[in-house]
Amino acid sequence: MTASEYSPGLSIQGFNAPLSLSQFKLIAFDMDSTLISIECIDEIADAVGRKADVAAITEAAMRGEITDFRDSLRRRLALLKGVTVADMERVYTERLKINPGATELIDACHKADLKVLLVSGGFTFFADRVKARLRIDFARSNQLELADGELTGGLVMQPWGDICDGAEKRRTVLEVASLLGITPRECIAMGDGANDLPMMKACAEAGGLSVAYHAKPKVREQAMVAINKGGLDRLLEVIRP
């Protein structure tokens, strides 16, 4: 189905807008390049002079050109060996910015009694802080393994697994929905890269909503809403508080 321009920089397909936030009970966000302005793994790699190598893999993975996200993540993690906690702290304090409209959209969701989930192929070092800053209810992301204050190039096994890839993002959204006693029809999933498509499809196919934010072409084409200009809160033009 061809997307139609709803207003400049905002496209919709597959439904009639506007909707109401009261129709939904959960909104799930990707973190890197969605809630925040950077890809954390690329910026961490800059500390050891490997940003170009890591960023090239990240870009290919987000475009869907590398279909095995788990393998692409392991390849990038191996290049981070030796990065220190102090290096990551500098990335957080000096480079990580919350994207425009994130606070406004999340505040509107909370006022409408939606729960908010952050589900990321990024890292707990950043995701847990973003969760606290934006008053997000739930978060799932990868935990970097450390030894003597430096990254080992590996991840820590968590109760749900070690790598939050596209399949795990989908499973997490469905798990949280189940815990809340709601269906995917009452869920919104929002992201920018190919690894966000499984959770976006799970919501869209059930009658919920999928949203692309300044996304890769493959993601824009498949999303029900595509925000190509402006902030995250432009979603409120389509889903009225």
C-alpha atoms as a PDB file:
ATOM      1  CA  MET A   1       0.000   0.000   0.000  1.00  0.00           C
ATOM      2  CA  THR A   2       1.347   3.431  -0.888  1.00  0.00           C
ATOM      3  CA  ALA A   3       1.883   5.850   1.977  1.00  0.00           C
ATOM      4  CA  SER A   4       0.103   9.197   1.822  1.00  0.00           C
ATOM      5  CA  GLU A   5       1.439  12.476   3.128  1.00  0.00           C
ATOM      6  CA  TYR A   6      -0.548  13.422   6.213  1.00  0.00           C
ATOM      7  CA  SER A   7       1.271  16.726   6.645  1.00  0.00           C
ATOM      8  CA  PRO A   8       4.807  17.725   5.574  1.00  0.00           C
ATOM      9  CA  GLY A   9       7.289  15.121   6.741  1.00  0.00           C
ATOM     10  CA  LEU A  10       4.604  12.817   8.172  1.00  0.00           C
ATOM     11  CA  SER A  11       3.211   9.861   6.198  1.00  0.00           C
ATOM     12  CA  ILE A  12       0.539   7.304   7.056  1.00  0.00           C
ATOM     13  CA  GLN A  13      -0.694   4.126   5.433  1.00  0.00           C
ATOM     14  CA  GLY A  14      -3.192   1.412   6.255  1.00  0.00           C
ATOM     15  CA  PHE A  15      -5.546   3.341   8.535  1.00  0.00           C
ATOM     16  CA  ASN A  16      -7.499   6.562   8.907  1.00  0.00           C
ATOM     17  CA  ALA A  17      -6.030   9.249  11.164  1.00  0.00           C
ATOM     18  CA  PRO A  18      -6.403  10.718  13.664  1.00  0.00           C
ATOM     19  CA  LEU A  19      -6.601   8.030  16.316  1.00  0.00           C
ATOM     20  CA  SER A  20      -6.810   8.527  20.068  1.00  0.00           C
ATOM     21  CA  LEU A  21      -4.138   7.668  22.632  1.00  0.00           C
ATOM     22  CA  SER A  22      -6.913   6.179  24.745  1.00  0.00           C
ATOM     23  CA  GLN A  23      -7.093   3.308  22.217  1.00  0.00           C
ATOM     24  CA  PHE A  24      -3.642   2.126  23.348  1.00  0.00           C
ATOM     25  CA  LYS A  25      -2.116   0.869  26.596  1.00  0.00           C
ATOM     26  CA  LEU A  26       1.592   0.386  25.769  1.00  0.00           C
ATOM     27  CA  ILE A  27       4.149   2.208  23.629  1.00  0.00           C
ATOM     28  CA  ALA A  28       7.518   0.571  22.908  1.00  0.00           C
ATOM     29  CA  PHE A  29      10.528   2.599  21.774  1.00  0.00           C
ATOM     30  CA  ASP A  30      13.852   1.678  20.293  1.00  0.00           C
ATOM     31  CA  MET A  31      16.620   3.780  21.885  1.00  0.00           C
ATOM     32  CA  ASP A  32      19.568   4.558  19.571  1.00  0.00           C
ATOM     33  CA  SER A  33      18.615   7.062  16.852  1.00  0.00           C
ATOM     34  CA  THR A  34      15.006   6.943  18.076  1.00  0.00           C
ATOM     35  CA  LEU A  35      14.787   8.165  21.662  1.00  0.00           C
ATOM     36  CA  ILE A  36      18.359   9.454  21.531  1.00  0.00           C
ATOM     37  CA  SER A  37      20.369  11.187  18.824  1.00  0.00           C
ATOM     38  CA  ILE A  38      23.318   8.781  18.576  1.00  0.00           C
ATOM     39  CA  GLU A  39      24.222   5.150  17.983  1.00  0.00           C
ATOM     40  CA  CYS A  40      26.011   4.507  21.289  1.00  0.00           C
ATOM     41  CA  ILE A  41      28.122   1.648  19.954  1.00  0.00           C
ATOM     42  CA  ASP A  42      29.579   3.885  17.237  1.00  0.00           C
ATOM     43  CA  GLU A  43      30.466   6.609  19.739  1.00  0.00           C
ATOM     44  CA  ILE A  44      32.028   4.105  22.160  1.00  0.00           C
ATOM     45  CA  ALA A  45      34.170   2.789  19.310  1.00  0.00           C
ATOM     46  CA  ASP A  46      35.455   6.312  18.687  1.00  0.00           C
ATOM     47  CA  ALA A  47      37.309   6.073  22.018  1.00  0.00           C
ATOM     48  CA  VAL A  48      39.604   3.413  20.548  1.00  0.00           C
ATOM     49  CA  GLY A  49      39.802   4.845  17.038  1.00  0.00           C
ATOM     50  CA  ARG A  50      37.434   2.292  15.482  1.00  0.00           C
ATOM     51  CA  LYS A  51      34.306   4.368  14.886  1.00  0.00           C
ATOM     52  CA  ALA A  52      34.429   4.138  11.090  1.00  0.00           C
ATOM     53  CA  ASP A  53      34.686   0.343  11.137  1.00  0.00           C
ATOM     54  CA  VAL A  54      31.906  -0.076  13.693  1.00  0.00           C
ATOM     55  CA  ALA A  55      29.631   2.564  12.146  1.00  0.00           C
ATOM     56  CA  ALA A  56      29.821   0.868   8.745  1.00  0.00           C
ATOM     57  CA  ILE A  57      28.563  -2.400  10.258  1.00  0.00           C
ATOM     58  CA  THR A  58      25.873  -0.566  12.241  1.00  0.00           C
ATOM     59  CA  GLU A  59      24.588   1.226   9.149  1.00  0.00           C
ATOM     60  CA  ALA A  60      24.439  -1.985   7.120  1.00  0.00           C
ATOM     61  CA  ALA A  61      22.616  -3.784   9.944  1.00  0.00           C
ATOM     62  CA  MET A  62      20.072  -0.984  10.418  1.00  0.00           C
ATOM     63  CA  ARG A  63      19.393  -0.876   6.668  1.00  0.00           C
ATOM     64  CA  GLY A  64      18.757  -4.606   6.694  1.00  0.00           C
ATOM     65  CA  GLU A  65      21.745  -5.327   4.459  1.00  0.00           C
ATOM     66  CA  ILE A  66      23.202  -7.526   7.211  1.00  0.00           C
ATOM     67  CA  THR A  67      20.400  -9.877   8.196  1.00  0.00           C
ATOM     68  CA  ASP A  68      22.123 -11.534  11.176  1.00  0.00           C
ATOM     69  CA  PHE A  69      21.976  -8.799  13.831  1.00  0.00           C
ATOM     70  CA  ARG A  70      23.487 -11.083  16.457  1.00  0.00           C
ATOM     71  CA  ASP A  71      26.563 -11.728  14.332  1.00  0.00           C
ATOM     72  CA  SER A  72      26.900  -8.052  13.407  1.00  0.00           C
ATOM     73  CA  LEU A  73      26.710  -7.072  17.078  1.00  0.00           C
ATOM     74  CA  ARG A  74      29.360  -9.601  18.085  1.00  0.00           C
ATOM     75  CA  ARG A  75      31.642  -8.300  15.329  1.00  0.00           C
ATOM     76  CA  ARG A  76      31.238  -4.748  16.589  1.00  0.00           C
ATOM     77  CA  LEU A  77      31.650  -5.718  20.248  1.00  0.00           C
ATOM     78  CA  ALA A  78      34.980  -7.372  19.469  1.00  0.00           C
ATOM     79  CA  LEU A  79      36.223  -4.005  18.224  1.00  0.00           C
ATOM     80  CA  LEU A  80      35.310  -2.354  21.553  1.00  0.00           C
ATOM     81  CA  LYS A  81      37.744  -4.375  23.640  1.00  0.00           C
ATOM     82  CA  GLY A  82      39.750  -2.024  25.837  1.00  0.00           C
ATOM     83  CA  VAL A  83      37.179   0.789  26.000  1.00  0.00           C
ATOM     84  CA  THR A  84      36.987   2.009  29.594  1.00  0.00           C
ATOM     85  CA  VAL A  85      34.057   2.938  31.803  1.00  0.00           C
ATOM     86  CA  ALA A  86      35.406   6.506  31.754  1.00  0.00           C
ATOM     87  CA  ASP A  87      35.207   6.476  27.942  1.00  0.00           C
ATOM     88  CA  MET A  88      31.556   5.411  28.114  1.00  0.00           C
ATOM     89  CA  GLU A  89      30.839   8.050  30.743  1.00  0.00           C
ATOM     90  CA  ARG A  90      32.147  10.702  28.359  1.00  0.00           C
ATOM     91  CA  VAL A  91      29.901   9.401  25.583  1.00  0.00           C
ATOM     92  CA  TYR A  92      26.920   9.715  27.905  1.00  0.00           C
ATOM     93  CA  THR A  93      27.732  13.189  29.229  1.00  0.00           C
ATOM     94  CA  GLU A  94      29.163  14.766  26.064  1.00  0.00           C
ATOM     95  CA  ARG A  95      27.440  13.108  23.111  1.00  0.00           C
ATOM     96  CA  LEU A  96      24.148  11.498  24.083  1.00  0.00           C
ATOM     97  CA  LYS A  97      21.191  13.827  23.542  1.00  0.00           C
ATOM     98  CA  ILE A  98      17.507  13.032  23.974  1.00  0.00           C
ATOM     99  CA  ASN A  99      15.763  13.494  20.635  1.00  0.00           C
ATOM    100  CA  PRO A 100      13.321  16.390  20.223  1.00  0.00           C
ATOM    101  CA  GLY A 101       9.780  15.673  21.327  1.00  0.00           C
ATOM    102  CA  ALA A 102      10.647  12.571  23.379  1.00  0.00           C
ATOM    103  CA  THR A 103       9.732  14.128  26.715  1.00  0.00           C
ATOM    104  CA  GLU A 104       6.519  15.617  25.343  1.00  0.00           C
ATOM    105  CA  LEU A 105       5.383  12.354  23.736  1.00  0.00           C
ATOM    106  CA  ILE A 106       6.158  10.240  26.789  1.00  0.00           C
ATOM    107  CA  ASP A 107       4.436  12.744  29.093  1.00  0.00           C
ATOM    108  CA  ALA A 108       1.326  12.617  26.875  1.00  0.00           C
ATOM    109  CA  CYS A 109       1.399   8.817  26.949  1.00  0.00           C
ATOM    110  CA  HIS A 110       1.622   8.747  30.733  1.00  0.00           C
ATOM    111  CA  LYS A 111      -1.275  11.198  31.016  1.00  0.00           C
ATOM    112  CA  ALA A 112      -3.333   8.865  28.828  1.00  0.00           C
ATOM    113  CA  ASP A 113      -2.376   5.919  31.105  1.00  0.00           C
ATOM    114  CA  LEU A 114      -0.095   4.189  28.626  1.00  0.00           C
ATOM    115  CA  LYS A 115       2.893   2.275  29.949  1.00  0.00           C
ATOM    116  CA  VAL A 116       6.219   3.002  28.247  1.00  0.00           C
ATOM    117  CA  LEU A 117       8.811   0.403  27.243  1.00  0.00           C
ATOM    118  CA  LEU A 118      12.363   0.983  26.048  1.00  0.00           C
ATOM    119  CA  VAL A 119      13.663  -2.082  24.186  1.00  0.00           C
ATOM    120  CA  SER A 120      17.092  -1.728  22.663  1.00  0.00           C
ATOM    121  CA  GLY A 121      19.886  -3.565  20.931  1.00  0.00           C
ATOM    122  CA  GLY A 122      22.093  -1.058  22.743  1.00  0.00           C
ATOM    123  CA  PHE A 123      23.448  -1.198  26.253  1.00  0.00           C
ATOM    124  CA  THR A 124      22.198  -0.987  29.832  1.00  0.00           C
ATOM    125  CA  PHE A 125      24.919   1.568  30.675  1.00  0.00           C
ATOM    126  CA  PHE A 126      22.948   4.074  28.604  1.00  0.00           C
ATOM    127  CA  ALA A 127      19.451   2.580  28.513  1.00  0.00           C
ATOM    128  CA  ASP A 128      19.017   2.523  32.286  1.00  0.00           C
ATOM    129  CA  ARG A 129      19.920   6.215  32.488  1.00  0.00           C
ATOM    130  CA  VAL A 130      17.625   7.156  29.615  1.00  0.00           C
ATOM    131  CA  LYS A 131      14.867   5.166  31.327  1.00  0.00           C
ATOM    132  CA  ALA A 132      15.305   7.220  34.495  1.00  0.00           C
ATOM    133  CA  ARG A 133      15.583  10.563  32.671  1.00  0.00           C
ATOM    134  CA  LEU A 134      12.401  10.017  30.664  1.00  0.00           C
ATOM    135  CA  ARG A 135      10.407   8.251  33.414  1.00  0.00           C
ATOM    136  CA  ILE A 136      10.070   5.085  31.317  1.00  0.00           C
ATOM    137  CA  ASP A 137       8.326   2.149  32.979  1.00  0.00           C
ATOM    138  CA  PHE A 138      10.236  -0.837  31.542  1.00  0.00           C
ATOM    139  CA  ALA A 139      13.556  -1.330  29.767  1.00  0.00           C
ATOM    140  CA  ARG A 140      15.458  -4.202  28.174  1.00  0.00           C
ATOM    141  CA  SER A 141      18.903  -3.949  26.570  1.00  0.00           C
ATOM    142  CA  ASN A 142      22.274  -5.668  26.376  1.00  0.00           C
ATOM    143  CA  GLN A 143      24.746  -5.605  29.276  1.00  0.00           C
ATOM    144  CA  LEU A 144      28.381  -5.052  28.372  1.00  0.00           C
ATOM    145  CA  GLU A 145      30.901  -7.312  30.074  1.00  0.00           C
ATOM    146  CA  LEU A 146      33.623  -5.535  32.040  1.00  0.00           C
ATOM    147  CA  ALA A 147      36.941  -6.679  33.505  1.00  0.00           C
ATOM    148  CA  ASP A 148      39.150  -4.290  35.486  1.00  0.00           C
ATOM    149  CA  GLY A 149      37.113  -1.312  34.277  1.00  0.00           C
ATOM    150  CA  GLU A 150      37.442  -2.164  30.576  1.00  0.00           C
ATOM    151  CA  LEU A 151      35.166  -3.797  28.027  1.00  0.00           C
ATOM    152  CA  THR A 152      36.054  -7.386  27.208  1.00  0.00           C
ATOM    153  CA  GLY A 153      34.241  -7.386  23.877  1.00  0.00           C
ATOM    154  CA  GLY A 154      31.501  -9.632  25.258  1.00  0.00           C
ATOM    155  CA  LEU A 155      28.053  -9.412  26.835  1.00  0.00           C
ATOM    156  CA  VAL A 156      26.675 -10.591  30.177  1.00  0.00           C
ATOM    157  CA  MET A 157      24.005 -13.288  30.101  1.00  0.00           C
ATOM    158  CA  GLN A 158      20.715 -11.988  31.556  1.00  0.00           C
ATOM    159  CA  PRO A 159      17.610 -13.966  32.620  1.00  0.00           C
ATOM    160  CA  TRP A 160      16.059 -13.510  29.152  1.00  0.00           C
ATOM    161  CA  GLY A 161      19.292 -14.098  27.173  1.00  0.00           C
ATOM    162  CA  ASP A 162      22.392 -12.210  26.089  1.00  0.00           C
ATOM    163  CA  ILE A 163      21.483 -10.321  22.878  1.00  0.00           C
ATOM    164  CA  CYS A 164      18.404  -8.162  22.394  1.00  0.00           C
ATOM    165  CA  ASP A 165      17.957  -8.547  18.645  1.00  0.00           C
ATOM    166  CA  GLY A 166      14.841  -8.082  16.525  1.00  0.00           C
ATOM    167  CA  ALA A 167      13.305 -11.350  17.680  1.00  0.00           C
ATOM    168  CA  GLU A 168      13.918 -10.465  21.320  1.00  0.00           C
ATOM    169  CA  LYS A 169      12.422  -7.007  20.823  1.00  0.00           C
ATOM    170  CA  ARG A 170       9.263  -8.619  19.450  1.00  0.00           C
ATOM    171  CA  ARG A 171       9.174 -11.140  22.297  1.00  0.00           C
ATOM    172  CA  THR A 172       9.682  -8.383  24.873  1.00  0.00           C
ATOM    173  CA  VAL A 173       6.789  -6.290  23.572  1.00  0.00           C
ATOM    174  CA  LEU A 174       4.493  -9.316  23.599  1.00  0.00           C
ATOM    175  CA  GLU A 175       5.731 -10.330  27.066  1.00  0.00           C
ATOM    176  CA  VAL A 176       5.115  -6.889  28.568  1.00  0.00           C
ATOM    177  CA  ALA A 177       1.694  -6.707  26.904  1.00  0.00           C
ATOM    178  CA  SER A 178       0.825 -10.068  28.438  1.00  0.00           C
ATOM    179  CA  LEU A 179       2.007  -8.936  31.867  1.00  0.00           C
ATOM    180  CA  LEU A 180      -0.216  -5.865  31.534  1.00  0.00           C
ATOM    181  CA  GLY A 181      -3.183  -7.984  30.477  1.00  0.00           C
ATOM    182  CA  ILE A 182      -3.504  -6.318  27.090  1.00  0.00           C
ATOM    183  CA  THR A 183      -3.257  -7.438  23.459  1.00  0.00           C
ATOM    184  CA  PRO A 184      -0.823  -6.305  20.721  1.00  0.00           C
ATOM    185  CA  ARG A 185      -3.783  -4.449  19.205  1.00  0.00           C
ATOM    186  CA  GLU A 186      -3.378  -1.976  22.096  1.00  0.00           C
ATOM    187  CA  CYS A 187       0.358  -1.486  21.475  1.00  0.00           C
ATOM    188  CA  ILE A 188       2.484   0.999  19.542  1.00  0.00           C
ATOM    189  CA  ALA A 189       6.035   0.126  18.464  1.00  0.00           C
ATOM    190  CA  MET A 190       8.431   2.815  17.290  1.00  0.00           C
ATOM    191  CA  GLY A 191      11.904   2.513  15.781  1.00  0.00           C
ATOM    192  CA  ASP A 192      14.279   3.389  12.966  1.00  0.00           C
ATOM    193  CA  GLY A 193      16.208   0.257  11.975  1.00  0.00           C
ATOM    194  CA  ALA A 194      15.654  -3.184  10.485  1.00  0.00           C
ATOM    195  CA  ASN A 195      15.915  -4.864  13.892  1.00  0.00           C
ATOM    196  CA  ASP A 196      12.822  -2.893  14.972  1.00  0.00           C
ATOM    197  CA  LEU A 197      10.655  -4.396  12.239  1.00  0.00           C
ATOM    198  CA  PRO A 198       9.685  -7.600  14.120  1.00  0.00           C
ATOM    199  CA  MET A 199       8.134  -5.691  17.042  1.00  0.00           C
ATOM    200  CA  MET A 200       6.584  -3.148  14.681  1.00  0.00           C
ATOM    201  CA  LYS A 201       5.006  -5.917  12.591  1.00  0.00           C
ATOM    202  CA  ALA A 202       3.728  -7.733  15.686  1.00  0.00           C
ATOM    203  CA  CYS A 203       1.783  -4.628  16.680  1.00  0.00           C
ATOM    204  CA  ALA A 204       0.635  -3.632  13.186  1.00  0.00           C
ATOM    205  CA  GLU A 205      -0.568  -7.093  12.186  1.00  0.00           C
ATOM    206  CA  ALA A 206      -2.664  -7.334  15.358  1.00  0.00           C
ATOM    207  CA  GLY A 207      -4.350  -3.993  14.719  1.00  0.00           C
ATOM    208  CA  GLY A 208      -1.961  -1.875  16.761  1.00  0.00           C
ATOM    209  CA  LEU A 209       0.398   0.732  15.330  1.00  0.00           C
ATOM    210  CA  SER A 210       3.921   0.737  13.886  1.00  0.00           C
ATOM    211  CA  VAL A 211       5.853   4.000  13.705  1.00  0.00           C
ATOM    212  CA  ALA A 212       9.114   4.806  11.902  1.00  0.00           C
ATOM    213  CA  TYR A 213      11.135   7.752  13.194  1.00  0.00           C
ATOM    214  CA  HIS A 214      13.703   9.280  10.807  1.00  0.00           C
ATOM    215  CA  ALA A 215      14.115   5.684   9.739  1.00  0.00           C
ATOM    216  CA  LYS A 216      15.960   3.632   7.150  1.00  0.00           C
ATOM    217  CA  PRO A 217      14.067   3.258   3.831  1.00  0.00           C
ATOM    218  CA  LYS A 218      13.086  -0.359   4.485  1.00  0.00           C
ATOM    219  CA  VAL A 219      11.503   0.636   7.804  1.00  0.00           C
ATOM    220  CA  ARG A 220       9.726   3.735   6.442  1.00  0.00           C
ATOM    221  CA  GLU A 221       8.163   1.643   3.683  1.00  0.00           C
ATOM    222  CA  GLN A 222       6.676  -0.887   6.097  1.00  0.00           C
ATOM    223  CA  ALA A 223       5.576   1.425   8.921  1.00  0.00           C
ATOM    224  CA  MET A 224       1.997   2.629   9.312  1.00  0.00           C
ATOM    225  CA  VAL A 225       3.279   6.051  10.391  1.00  0.00           C
ATOM    226  CA  ALA A 226       6.573   7.547   9.198  1.00  0.00           C
ATOM    227  CA  ILE A 227       7.899  10.675  10.897  1.00  0.00           C
ATOM    228  CA  ASN A 228      10.540  11.982   8.504  1.00  0.00           C
ATOM    229  CA  LYS A 229      10.809  15.557   9.755  1.00  0.00           C
ATOM    230  CA  GLY A 230      10.468  17.048  13.211  1.00  0.00           C
ATOM    231  CA  GLY A 231      10.391  15.481  16.661  1.00  0.00           C
ATOM    232  CA  LEU A 232       8.944  12.343  18.205  1.00  0.00           C
ATOM    233  CA  ASP A 233       5.944  14.295  19.455  1.00  0.00           C
ATOM    234  CA  ARG A 234       4.714  14.604  15.857  1.00  0.00           C
ATOM    235  CA  LEU A 235       3.057  11.271  16.542  1.00  0.00           C
ATOM    236  CA  LEU A 236       0.509  13.312  18.516  1.00  0.00           C
ATOM    237  CA  GLU A 237      -0.697  14.768  15.200  1.00  0.00           C
ATOM    238  CA  VAL A 238      -1.842  11.249  14.294  1.00  0.00           C
ATOM    239  CA  ILE A 239      -2.804   9.919  17.719  1.00  0.00           C
ATOM    240  CA  ARG A 240      -4.519  12.692  19.605  1.00  0.00           C
ATOM    241  CA  PRO A 241      -4.133  12.908  23.411  1.00  0.00           C
END
